[in-house]
Amino acid sequence: MNTAKILSVVIPVYNERETVREIVEKVLNLDFVAEIIVVDDGSTDGTKELLEQTKFDERVKRFFHDRNLGKGAALRTGFGHVTGEIVAIQDADLEYDPNEFIEMIRPIRDGVADVVYGSRLSGGKPQRVHLFWHRMGNGFLTFMTDLLYNTTLTDMETCYKMFRKEVIETIRIESDGFSVEPELTAKICKNKRWRIYELPISYYGRSYSEGKKITWVHGVSALWTLIKYRFKS
């Protein structure tokens, strides 16, 4: 595989002091990563201070929000500073393995895809067995996505979304919080020029006691977001 450094990885961070340094190092180990853009979204647990004090590789760029605005706001900041040909999203916890980017980037490099989703629900890779109702909610939201946008996605809510830079440049993120996931999917699916592919990924999910932040409230918001952008011009 061509090892040119072409991937920009945006990492939104909120209160992930115990894991953020490790995830940054894991991403840096990929030889095709051009830059990592870390956006601290008003952390209060010492994450900000850790990021400020750690001597990372020169490829790591750090940005800080004065207060917590939400994942969408952090991605909006991060996307505004990317320079790589391809852009990916990486959460700051350890639920997702950056080595999955090795396979995800292939369809884009090969010229067959503009967008690649990493699916936790299509099988074939290690998955933590837990949170039944979370799985059911995710499945329902993905079903509604497929119904509304005539797609065959299996995991709309996945963090692992990878795009050609020009895809991101056509999208203006309006959601500040977790609704950014369905918003991105809606706007990508609605633009019929983009070729979307999906690959199975491993998933090492956390429980709520371990720091998981998504709740049923976010699911209701996600459903409304999907419906809104389907009919919004």
Protein backbone atom coordinates (compact mmCIF):
# COMPACT_ATOMS: atom_id res chain seq x y z
CA MET A 1 0.00 0.00 0.00
CA ASN A 2 1.12 3.53 -0.76
CA THR A 3 2.28 5.02 2.56
CA ALA A 4 1.92 8.71 1.66
CA LYS A 5 0.70 10.69 4.66
CA ILE A 6 -2.77 11.71 3.51
CA LEU A 7 -5.09 11.11 6.47
CA SER A 8 -6.26 13.82 8.87
CA VAL A 9 -7.79 12.40 12.06
CA VAL A 10 -10.06 14.62 14.13
CA ILE A 11 -10.38 13.64 17.80
CA PRO A 12 -13.10 15.41 19.83
CA VAL A 13 -12.28 15.13 23.54
CA TYR A 14 -14.36 15.67 26.65
CA ASN A 15 -13.14 14.38 30.04
CA GLU A 16 -11.00 11.53 28.71
CA ARG A 17 -7.84 12.08 30.75
CA GLU A 18 -7.21 8.37 31.26
CA THR A 19 -7.30 7.42 27.58
CA VAL A 20 -6.61 10.40 25.33
CA ARG A 21 -2.82 10.12 25.33
CA GLU A 22 -2.95 6.40 24.48
CA ILE A 23 -5.41 6.89 21.61
CA VAL A 24 -3.31 9.69 20.13
CA GLU A 25 -0.23 7.44 20.18
CA LYS A 26 -2.17 4.60 18.55
CA VAL A 27 -3.24 6.88 15.70
CA LEU A 28 0.30 8.21 15.30
CA ASN A 29 1.51 4.65 14.73
CA LEU A 30 -0.28 4.59 11.37
CA ASP A 31 2.23 5.59 8.70
CA PHE A 32 -0.35 7.27 6.45
CA VAL A 33 -1.53 9.77 9.11
CA ALA A 34 -0.61 13.32 8.11
CA GLU A 35 -2.02 15.05 11.17
CA ILE A 36 -4.13 14.59 14.28
CA ILE A 37 -6.40 17.43 15.27
CA VAL A 38 -7.38 17.14 18.93
CA VAL A 39 -10.21 19.40 20.07
CA ASP A 40 -10.73 19.56 23.83
CA ASP A 41 -14.36 20.50 24.39
CA GLY A 42 -14.12 22.18 27.77
CA SER A 43 -12.89 19.21 29.81
CA THR A 44 -12.96 19.58 33.59
CA ASP A 45 -11.10 16.43 34.69
CA GLY A 46 -7.55 17.50 33.84
CA THR A 47 -7.68 16.44 30.17
CA LYS A 48 -6.96 19.98 28.98
CA GLU A 49 -3.91 20.31 31.22
CA LEU A 50 -2.64 16.91 30.12
CA LEU A 51 -2.96 17.87 26.45
CA GLU A 52 -1.20 21.17 27.05
CA GLN A 53 1.70 19.57 28.92
CA THR A 54 2.30 16.43 26.83
CA LYS A 55 5.02 16.62 24.17
CA PHE A 56 3.36 14.92 21.23
CA ASP A 57 4.66 14.31 17.73
CA GLU A 58 4.66 17.46 15.60
CA ARG A 59 1.72 16.06 13.65
CA VAL A 60 -0.55 16.65 16.64
CA LYS A 61 -2.45 19.95 16.63
CA ARG A 62 -4.39 20.99 19.71
CA PHE A 63 -7.41 23.27 20.01
CA PHE A 64 -9.40 24.14 23.12
CA HIS A 65 -12.98 25.23 23.77
CA ASP A 66 -13.44 27.44 26.82
CA ARG A 67 -16.57 25.48 27.78
CA ASN A 68 -18.32 22.27 26.83
CA LEU A 69 -20.24 22.80 23.59
CA GLY A 70 -20.75 19.21 22.40
CA LYS A 71 -19.29 16.71 19.95
CA GLY A 72 -20.72 18.48 16.92
CA ALA A 73 -19.09 21.76 17.93
CA ALA A 74 -15.77 19.98 18.47
CA LEU A 75 -15.94 18.35 15.03
CA ARG A 76 -16.85 21.70 13.47
CA THR A 77 -13.68 23.17 14.96
CA GLY A 78 -11.58 20.19 13.91
CA PHE A 79 -12.87 19.99 10.34
CA GLY A 80 -12.05 23.67 9.95
CA HIS A 81 -8.33 22.90 10.33
CA VAL A 82 -7.83 19.69 8.32
CA THR A 83 -5.31 19.69 5.48
CA GLY A 84 -5.17 15.99 4.49
CA GLU A 85 -6.80 14.53 1.39
CA ILE A 86 -8.87 12.15 3.54
CA VAL A 87 -10.50 12.87 6.92
CA ALA A 88 -11.55 10.46 9.69
CA ILE A 89 -13.19 10.79 13.09
CA GLN A 90 -11.71 9.11 16.17
CA ASP A 91 -13.28 9.15 19.64
CA ALA A 92 -10.90 9.79 22.53
CA ASP A 93 -11.78 6.64 24.46
CA LEU A 94 -10.57 3.14 23.58
CA GLU A 95 -13.82 1.75 22.13
CA TYR A 96 -12.48 1.94 18.56
CA ASP A 97 -9.16 0.57 17.28
CA PRO A 98 -7.33 2.97 14.91
CA ASN A 99 -5.84 -0.02 13.09
CA GLU A 100 -9.25 -0.37 11.43
CA PHE A 101 -8.32 2.71 9.38
CA ILE A 102 -5.91 0.51 7.41
CA GLU A 103 -8.83 -1.29 5.78
CA MET A 104 -11.25 1.63 5.77
CA ILE A 105 -8.96 3.86 3.73
CA ARG A 106 -8.52 1.32 0.91
CA PRO A 107 -11.82 1.94 -0.95
CA ILE A 108 -11.12 5.67 -0.96
CA ARG A 109 -7.50 5.25 -2.09
CA ASP A 110 -8.62 2.81 -4.76
CA GLY A 111 -11.00 5.41 -6.15
CA VAL A 112 -14.24 3.50 -5.57
CA ALA A 113 -15.55 5.35 -2.48
CA ASP A 114 -15.96 8.92 -1.29
CA VAL A 115 -17.18 7.94 2.18
CA VAL A 116 -16.51 4.80 4.26
CA TYR A 117 -18.38 3.84 7.43
CA GLY A 118 -16.95 1.38 9.93
CA SER A 119 -19.83 -0.82 11.07
CA ARG A 120 -19.90 -2.36 14.55
CA LEU A 121 -23.03 -4.33 13.69
CA SER A 122 -22.29 -6.18 10.46
CA GLY A 123 -20.29 -9.01 12.09
CA GLY A 124 -16.89 -10.51 11.36
CA LYS A 125 -14.91 -8.56 13.97
CA PRO A 126 -14.67 -8.70 17.80
CA GLN A 127 -17.64 -7.07 19.54
CA ARG A 128 -18.22 -6.61 23.23
CA VAL A 129 -21.46 -8.35 24.23
CA HIS A 130 -23.41 -5.84 26.34
CA LEU A 131 -26.09 -3.10 26.40
CA PHE A 132 -29.00 -4.83 24.65
CA TRP A 133 -31.27 -1.77 24.62
CA HIS A 134 -28.49 0.39 23.25
CA ARG A 135 -28.12 -2.12 20.41
CA MET A 136 -31.85 -2.11 19.75
CA GLY A 137 -31.98 1.68 19.68
CA ASN A 138 -29.04 1.84 17.30
CA GLY A 139 -30.69 -0.72 15.06
CA PHE A 140 -33.93 1.27 15.00
CA LEU A 141 -32.13 4.52 14.11
CA THR A 142 -30.20 2.76 11.35
CA PHE A 143 -33.46 1.26 10.01
CA MET A 144 -35.01 4.74 9.93
CA THR A 145 -31.94 6.06 8.12
CA ASP A 146 -32.22 3.36 5.47
CA LEU A 147 -35.95 3.94 5.13
CA LEU A 148 -35.71 7.73 4.85
CA TYR A 149 -32.62 7.90 2.65
CA ASN A 150 -32.89 4.66 0.63
CA THR A 151 -29.59 3.24 1.90
CA THR A 152 -28.40 -0.11 3.26
CA LEU A 153 -26.28 1.02 6.20
CA THR A 154 -26.00 -1.29 9.21
CA ASP A 155 -24.58 1.21 11.73
CA MET A 156 -25.50 4.85 11.24
CA GLU A 157 -24.34 5.93 14.70
CA THR A 158 -20.78 4.64 14.35
CA CYS A 159 -18.00 7.05 15.24
CA TYR A 160 -15.82 5.66 12.45
CA LYS A 161 -16.66 7.74 9.43
CA MET A 162 -14.01 8.50 6.81
CA PHE A 163 -14.39 10.97 3.96
CA ARG A 164 -12.60 12.57 1.09
CA LYS A 165 -11.84 16.12 2.19
CA GLU A 166 -14.14 17.56 -0.49
CA VAL A 167 -17.10 15.76 1.12
CA ILE A 168 -16.53 17.55 4.42
CA GLU A 169 -16.06 20.85 2.62
CA THR A 170 -19.64 20.64 1.30
CA ILE A 171 -21.18 20.09 4.75
CA ARG A 172 -21.96 22.81 7.27
CA ILE A 173 -22.39 21.16 10.66
CA GLU A 174 -25.33 22.66 12.54
CA SER A 175 -25.61 20.26 15.49
CA ASP A 176 -23.52 21.01 18.55
CA GLY A 177 -24.07 17.73 20.37
CA PHE A 178 -24.29 14.02 19.56
CA SER A 179 -26.88 14.73 16.86
CA VAL A 180 -23.91 15.45 14.64
CA GLU A 181 -23.79 11.71 13.79
CA PRO A 182 -27.25 11.53 12.15
CA GLU A 183 -26.74 15.01 10.68
CA LEU A 184 -23.55 13.96 8.88
CA THR A 185 -25.20 10.76 7.66
CA ALA A 186 -28.31 12.58 6.47
CA LYS A 187 -26.38 15.20 4.52
CA ILE A 188 -24.04 12.66 2.98
CA CYS A 189 -26.86 10.30 1.96
CA LYS A 190 -28.97 13.12 0.61
CA ASN A 191 -26.18 14.16 -1.77
CA LYS A 192 -26.44 11.38 -4.34
CA ARG A 193 -23.04 12.14 -5.86
CA TRP A 194 -21.14 10.62 -2.93
CA ARG A 195 -20.32 6.90 -3.10
CA ILE A 196 -20.74 5.39 0.38
CA TYR A 197 -19.21 2.08 1.43
CA GLU A 198 -19.24 0.18 4.71
CA LEU A 199 -16.76 -2.19 6.33
CA PRO A 200 -16.98 -4.25 9.55
CA ILE A 201 -14.87 -3.02 12.45
CA SER A 202 -14.08 -4.30 15.94
CA TYR A 203 -15.73 -2.55 18.87
CA TYR A 204 -14.58 -2.54 22.49
CA GLY A 205 -17.59 -0.76 23.98
CA ARG A 206 -17.68 0.79 27.43
CA SER A 207 -20.45 0.47 29.99
CA TYR A 208 -21.98 3.56 31.59
CA SER A 209 -19.94 2.93 34.73
CA GLU A 210 -16.84 2.98 32.55
CA GLY A 211 -17.69 6.36 31.07
CA LYS A 212 -20.16 5.84 28.21
CA LYS A 213 -22.07 9.08 27.61
CA ILE A 214 -24.84 8.22 25.08
CA THR A 215 -28.36 7.82 26.56
CA TRP A 216 -31.91 7.34 25.23
CA VAL A 217 -32.36 11.12 25.14
CA HIS A 218 -29.71 11.32 22.43
CA GLY A 219 -31.62 8.63 20.52
CA VAL A 220 -34.77 10.75 20.43
CA SER A 221 -32.75 13.72 19.22
CA ALA A 222 -31.10 11.54 16.55
CA LEU A 223 -34.48 10.43 15.21
CA TRP A 224 -35.71 14.00 14.96
CA THR A 225 -32.47 15.00 13.21
CA LEU A 226 -32.89 12.25 10.60
CA ILE A 227 -36.45 13.32 9.85
CA LYS A 228 -35.62 17.03 9.81
CA TYR A 229 -32.80 16.80 7.27
CA ARG A 230 -34.70 14.39 5.06
CA PHE A 231 -37.29 17.05 4.30
CA LYS A 232 -35.19 20.19 4.79
CA SER A 233 -34.08 21.81 1.54
